[in-house]
Amino acid sequence: MVDGTILDSQMVLVTLHPDGRVDAPPQWSVVSGLSTLLSDPTHPLWDQTLPEGYQMFLVSETLPLTLEQADTEYMVQADVDLGDGVQMISDGVLLHVMAQGATSLGLTTSLPAPKP
């Protein structure tokens, strides 16, 4: 299992590098938590040379103001039987999502107004 931390405004690309052949495209799922998965071949980080299912973006949930951290557990599974049977192997990611603090106070001004 891989353990990682990102901000609630981020996503991370995870790539598989199996040490042998797999029988079908790996299947990704969210085991627990509110973060999501995104397959986006148009993203600049996406490696178009990899087989289907060998990469996936793990997308953080947006945390409410009352929460500083939330975890999501992901699983990826693949059949490695290389025949008619099924022999599944799996691996996982525990993603810690941290609330992002402000980077700006967003100061603005109005148009000038007459004094009272």
Protein backbone atom coordinates (compact mmCIF):
# COMPACT_ATOMS: atom_id res chain seq x y z
CA MET A 1 0.00 0.00 0.00
CA VAL A 2 1.19 3.47 -0.88
CA ASP A 3 0.51 6.27 1.59
CA GLY A 4 0.40 9.88 0.35
CA THR A 5 -0.81 13.37 1.22
CA ILE A 6 -2.21 16.11 -1.03
CA LEU A 7 -4.15 19.34 -0.57
CA ASP A 8 -7.90 19.45 -1.13
CA SER A 9 -7.29 21.50 -4.29
CA GLN A 10 -5.07 18.85 -5.92
CA MET A 11 -5.05 15.49 -7.65
CA VAL A 12 -2.20 13.04 -8.17
CA LEU A 13 -1.45 10.70 -11.07
CA VAL A 14 -0.71 7.12 -10.02
CA THR A 15 0.97 4.78 -12.51
CA LEU A 16 1.27 0.99 -12.44
CA HIS A 17 4.52 -0.80 -13.29
CA PRO A 18 3.70 -4.53 -12.97
CA ASP A 19 6.62 -6.97 -12.89
CA GLY A 20 4.84 -9.20 -15.43
CA ARG A 21 1.85 -9.39 -17.74
CA VAL A 22 -1.74 -8.90 -16.70
CA ASP A 23 -4.72 -10.55 -18.40
CA ALA A 24 -7.02 -7.53 -18.68
CA PRO A 25 -6.97 -3.80 -17.92
CA PRO A 26 -6.55 -3.13 -14.18
CA GLN A 27 -9.69 -1.97 -12.36
CA TRP A 28 -9.60 0.99 -9.98
CA SER A 29 -12.05 1.65 -7.14
CA VAL A 30 -12.65 3.79 -4.07
CA VAL A 31 -12.81 1.53 -1.00
CA SER A 32 -13.68 4.26 1.52
CA GLY A 33 -13.71 8.05 1.67
CA LEU A 34 -15.11 10.79 -0.54
CA SER A 35 -12.27 11.46 -2.98
CA THR A 36 -12.73 10.24 -6.56
CA LEU A 37 -10.99 8.72 -9.58
CA LEU A 38 -10.40 10.41 -12.94
CA SER A 39 -9.16 8.90 -16.19
CA ASP A 40 -8.07 11.85 -18.36
CA PRO A 41 -6.00 10.99 -21.45
CA THR A 42 -6.05 14.68 -22.48
CA HIS A 43 -4.14 15.80 -19.37
CA PRO A 44 -0.48 16.74 -20.04
CA LEU A 45 0.79 14.34 -17.33
CA TRP A 46 -1.01 11.37 -18.92
CA ASP A 47 1.35 8.88 -20.65
CA GLN A 48 -0.34 7.89 -23.92
CA THR A 49 2.08 4.97 -24.39
CA LEU A 50 0.81 3.01 -21.37
CA PRO A 51 -1.90 0.34 -21.70
CA GLU A 52 -5.46 1.06 -20.60
CA GLY A 53 -5.88 1.04 -16.82
CA TYR A 54 -2.19 1.50 -16.02
CA GLN A 55 -2.67 5.07 -14.73
CA MET A 56 -5.32 7.00 -12.89
CA PHE A 57 -5.72 10.40 -11.25
CA LEU A 58 -6.72 10.31 -7.59
CA VAL A 59 -8.77 13.46 -7.08
CA SER A 60 -9.08 14.97 -3.60
CA GLU A 61 -12.41 15.86 -2.12
CA THR A 62 -13.04 19.52 -1.27
CA LEU A 63 -13.07 19.69 2.50
CA PRO A 64 -15.68 21.74 4.37
CA LEU A 65 -14.42 24.55 6.62
CA THR A 66 -15.01 22.37 9.69
CA LEU A 67 -12.60 19.62 8.56
CA GLU A 68 -8.81 19.82 8.36
CA GLN A 69 -8.10 16.32 6.99
CA ALA A 70 -9.95 13.39 5.41
CA ASP A 71 -8.67 10.07 4.13
CA THR A 72 -9.63 8.02 1.09
CA GLU A 73 -8.54 4.45 0.43
CA TYR A 74 -8.24 3.33 -3.20
CA MET A 75 -7.70 -0.15 -4.61
CA VAL A 76 -6.49 -1.32 -8.00
CA GLN A 77 -6.92 -4.96 -9.06
CA ALA A 78 -5.74 -6.98 -12.04
CA ASP A 79 -6.22 -10.54 -13.28
CA VAL A 80 -2.82 -12.21 -13.74
CA ASP A 81 -3.97 -15.73 -14.70
CA LEU A 82 -3.13 -15.17 -18.42
CA GLY A 83 -5.81 -17.65 -19.42
CA ASP A 84 -9.44 -18.57 -18.90
CA GLY A 85 -9.19 -18.56 -15.11
CA VAL A 86 -9.02 -15.60 -12.78
CA GLN A 87 -6.25 -14.89 -10.31
CA MET A 88 -6.55 -11.36 -8.95
CA ILE A 89 -3.77 -9.35 -7.37
CA SER A 90 -4.32 -5.93 -5.83
CA ASP A 91 -2.57 -2.92 -4.41
CA GLY A 92 -3.83 0.16 -2.65
CA VAL A 93 -3.32 3.82 -1.90
CA LEU A 94 -4.23 5.61 1.31
CA LEU A 95 -4.61 9.28 0.37
CA HIS A 96 -4.62 11.86 3.14
CA VAL A 97 -6.35 15.04 1.97
CA MET A 98 -5.41 18.19 3.88
CA ALA A 99 -7.33 21.45 3.89
CA GLN A 100 -5.56 24.20 1.99
CA GLY A 101 -5.00 27.43 3.86
CA ALA A 102 -5.54 30.77 2.17
CA THR A 103 -2.77 32.09 -0.05
CA SER A 104 -4.30 35.56 -0.39
CA LEU A 105 -6.70 37.74 1.57
CA GLY A 106 -8.29 38.96 -1.67
CA LEU A 107 -8.15 42.66 -0.78
CA THR A 108 -10.35 44.83 -3.04
CA THR A 109 -11.56 48.43 -2.94
CA SER A 110 -14.80 50.10 -4.02
CA LEU A 111 -15.11 53.20 -6.17
CA PRO A 112 -14.52 56.44 -4.26
CA ALA A 113 -17.58 57.66 -2.35
CA PRO A 114 -18.36 61.08 -0.80
CA LYS A 115 -17.70 61.52 2.91
CA PRO A 116 -20.76 61.74 5.16
